Protein backbone atom coordinates (compact mmCIF):
# COMPACT_ATOMS: atom_id res chain seq x y z
CA MET A 1 0.00 0.00 0.00
CA ASN A 2 1.45 3.39 -0.94
CA ALA A 3 1.47 6.51 1.26
CA LYS A 4 -1.48 8.09 -0.56
CA SER A 5 -3.79 5.11 -0.07
CA THR A 6 -2.64 4.72 3.56
CA LEU A 7 -3.48 8.38 4.24
CA LEU A 8 -6.85 8.03 2.49
CA THR A 9 -7.65 4.93 4.58
CA LEU A 10 -6.69 6.70 7.81
CA VAL A 11 -8.76 9.81 6.97
CA SER A 12 -11.73 7.58 6.05
CA ILE A 13 -11.51 5.73 9.38
CA ILE A 14 -11.37 9.02 11.32
CA ILE A 15 -14.35 10.43 9.41
CA LEU A 16 -16.38 7.24 9.91
CA GLY A 17 -15.69 7.40 13.66
CA LEU A 18 -16.93 10.98 13.75
CA LEU A 19 -20.14 10.08 11.92
CA ILE A 20 -21.23 7.39 14.39
CA PRO A 21 -24.05 8.87 16.52
CA GLN A 22 -23.35 9.22 20.22
CA ARG A 23 -26.39 8.36 22.33
CA MET A 24 -25.65 8.59 26.04
CA GLU A 25 -27.14 7.82 29.41
CA ILE A 26 -26.08 8.43 33.00
CA PRO A 27 -23.53 5.68 33.78
CA VAL A 28 -24.91 4.71 37.21
CA ARG A 29 -28.05 2.57 37.47
CA GLY A 30 -30.92 4.55 38.93
CA ALA A 31 -28.97 7.83 39.04
CA THR A 32 -30.56 11.13 38.07
CA LEU A 33 -29.22 14.56 37.19
CA HIS A 34 -29.30 15.32 40.95
CA ASP A 35 -26.65 12.70 41.80
CA TRP A 36 -23.71 14.96 40.86
CA HIS A 37 -23.01 18.66 41.23
CA GLU A 38 -23.00 20.41 37.87
CA ASN A 39 -20.13 22.74 38.85
CA THR A 40 -17.56 20.05 39.70
CA PHE A 41 -16.26 19.78 36.13
CA TRP A 42 -13.06 21.84 35.98
CA TYR A 43 -13.41 22.76 39.66
CA GLU A 44 -10.16 23.83 41.33
CA PRO A 45 -8.20 23.26 43.45
CA TRP A 46 -8.50 19.49 43.12
CA GLY A 47 -5.57 17.82 44.85
CA SER A 48 -2.53 16.95 42.77
CA SER A 49 -4.68 17.02 39.60
CA GLY A 50 -5.09 20.79 39.87
CA VAL A 51 -8.58 20.73 38.37
CA HIS A 52 -11.35 18.12 38.36
CA LYS A 53 -11.59 16.86 34.78
CA GLY A 54 -14.85 14.96 35.16
CA ILE A 55 -17.89 14.57 37.37
CA ASP A 56 -18.45 12.31 40.38
CA ILE A 57 -21.77 10.46 40.29
CA PHE A 58 -22.73 9.17 43.73
CA GLY A 59 -24.74 6.15 44.85
CA GLN A 60 -24.68 3.11 47.12
CA VAL A 61 -21.62 0.85 47.21
CA GLY A 62 -22.09 -1.94 44.68
CA THR A 63 -24.63 -0.10 42.50
CA GLY A 64 -24.24 -1.01 38.84
CA VAL A 65 -22.04 1.21 36.69
CA ILE A 66 -23.14 1.00 33.06
CA ALA A 67 -21.63 2.05 29.75
CA ALA A 68 -22.76 5.60 28.99
CA THR A 69 -22.47 4.89 25.26
CA ASP A 70 -21.66 2.06 22.86
CA GLY A 71 -17.98 1.30 22.40
CA ILE A 72 -15.01 -0.99 22.80
CA VAL A 73 -13.19 -1.53 26.09
CA ILE A 74 -9.63 -0.27 25.60
CA TYR A 75 -8.53 -0.64 29.24
CA GLU A 76 -9.64 -2.32 32.44
CA GLY A 77 -7.37 -2.44 35.41
CA VAL A 78 -5.93 -0.49 38.30
CA VAL A 79 -4.29 2.95 38.28
CA LYS A 80 -2.94 4.80 41.32
CA LYS A 81 -5.43 7.70 41.60
CA GLY A 82 -8.40 6.10 39.87
CA GLY A 83 -8.26 2.72 41.57
CA LYS A 84 -10.17 0.15 39.55
CA VAL A 85 -11.00 1.76 36.20
CA VAL A 86 -12.56 1.00 32.83
CA VAL A 87 -11.94 3.01 29.66
CA ILE A 88 -14.26 2.64 26.67
CA LEU A 89 -13.59 4.10 23.22
CA GLY A 90 -16.94 5.35 21.96
CA PRO A 91 -18.30 7.27 18.98
CA LYS A 92 -16.58 10.44 17.77
CA TRP A 93 -13.19 9.10 18.97
CA ARG A 94 -14.00 9.79 22.62
CA ALA A 95 -12.62 7.77 25.51
CA HIS A 96 -15.05 7.35 28.42
CA TYR A 97 -13.19 6.91 31.73
CA TYR A 98 -14.89 5.31 34.75
CA ALA A 99 -12.83 5.35 37.99
CA HIS A 100 -13.07 4.32 41.67
CA LEU A 101 -14.99 1.14 40.83
CA GLN A 102 -15.45 -1.57 43.45
CA SER A 103 -15.12 -4.08 40.63
CA TYR A 104 -15.36 -4.28 36.85
CA SER A 105 -17.00 -6.94 34.70
CA VAL A 106 -15.61 -6.26 31.22
CA ARG A 107 -12.38 -7.20 29.43
CA HIS A 108 -10.03 -5.43 27.05
CA GLY A 109 -11.33 -5.64 23.48
CA GLN A 110 -14.92 -6.36 24.51
CA TRP A 111 -17.70 -4.50 22.67
CA VAL A 112 -20.27 -2.98 25.06
CA ARG A 113 -23.66 -1.45 24.39
CA ARG A 114 -25.02 1.66 26.04
CA GLY A 115 -26.62 0.62 29.35
CA GLU A 116 -24.61 -2.61 29.68
CA LEU A 117 -23.14 -3.36 33.11
CA ILE A 118 -19.38 -2.66 33.21
CA GLY A 119 -18.73 -2.57 36.96
CA ARG A 120 -19.87 -1.66 40.46
CA LEU A 121 -19.72 1.64 42.38
CA GLY A 122 -16.93 1.87 44.92
CA ASP A 123 -14.24 4.02 46.52
CA THR A 124 -10.94 2.66 45.17
CA GLY A 125 -7.84 4.71 44.42
CA ASN A 126 -7.69 8.17 45.94
CA ALA A 127 -11.41 7.96 46.80
CA GLN A 128 -10.86 5.50 49.67
CA GLY A 129 -12.97 6.41 52.68
CA LYS A 130 -15.18 8.77 50.65
CA PRO A 131 -18.80 8.09 49.64
CA ALA A 132 -19.13 5.55 46.83
CA HIS A 133 -19.08 7.15 43.39
CA VAL A 134 -17.79 6.83 39.87
CA HIS A 135 -15.51 9.53 38.51
CA TYR A 136 -16.69 9.89 34.91
CA SER A 137 -14.61 11.74 32.31
CA ILE A 138 -14.85 12.06 28.55
CA LEU A 139 -11.59 12.57 26.66
CA SER A 140 -11.68 13.54 22.98
CA LEU A 141 -8.80 11.93 21.09
CA LEU A 142 -9.18 14.64 18.45
CA PRO A 143 -8.53 18.17 19.81
CA LEU A 144 -11.39 20.67 19.84
CA PRO A 145 -9.36 23.92 20.03
CA TRP A 146 -12.40 26.21 20.36
CA LEU A 147 -13.02 24.72 23.84
CA ALA A 148 -9.63 25.84 25.22
CA SER A 149 -9.75 28.60 27.83
CA THR A 150 -7.50 30.76 29.98
CA GLU A 151 -8.49 28.88 33.16
CA THR A 152 -5.98 26.73 35.04
CA GLN A 153 -4.94 23.98 32.59
CA GLY A 154 -7.51 25.52 30.19
CA TRP A 155 -5.65 24.25 27.14
CA LYS A 156 -6.65 20.71 28.23
CA LYS A 157 -10.33 21.62 27.77
CA MET A 158 -9.89 20.94 24.07
CA PHE A 159 -9.53 17.28 25.06
CA TYR A 160 -11.61 16.91 28.25
CA LEU A 161 -15.33 17.36 27.61
CA ASN A 162 -17.89 18.17 30.29
CA PRO A 163 -19.80 14.90 30.89
CA GLY A 164 -22.58 16.78 32.69
CA LEU A 165 -23.40 18.70 29.50
CA ALA A 166 -23.27 15.54 27.39
CA LEU A 167 -25.61 13.68 29.75
CA THR A 168 -28.18 16.47 29.89
CA SER A 169 -28.27 17.21 26.15
CA ASP A 170 -30.26 14.10 25.16
């Protein structure tokens, strides 16, 4: 395959990913818009992270955490701050990050549908001892420069999208 056809294939794949519709739902079973505070996205100061790049959706320990959108699991495992986490690559080349899980029930490479159980609410990672919740972030793999701001770490806003807005726009 020559460089021109490789580039055309890559551009086609990117465009197809952008065309897939993104239907979303709140990623905690039984949760409503009142189970997180709308102003926590990009709230500062937020520990060693500087700003809070997602929202925390609260519930009872063990409550089902579900996929907010269709996608493929690109990571499941443990990270220092997030504890037990799942990352799903969804439509529009956006990675959906679910952290502080008590447990997860999906595997790398698995296709999940919106509303499918992916784990259970917990307090792992740097959330130990705090009320059970899932830290939910949406990271765009393609930069959206018009979202950048002059706030602390505001340049990162072209990658981190406000999940609260995405969940209330349906």
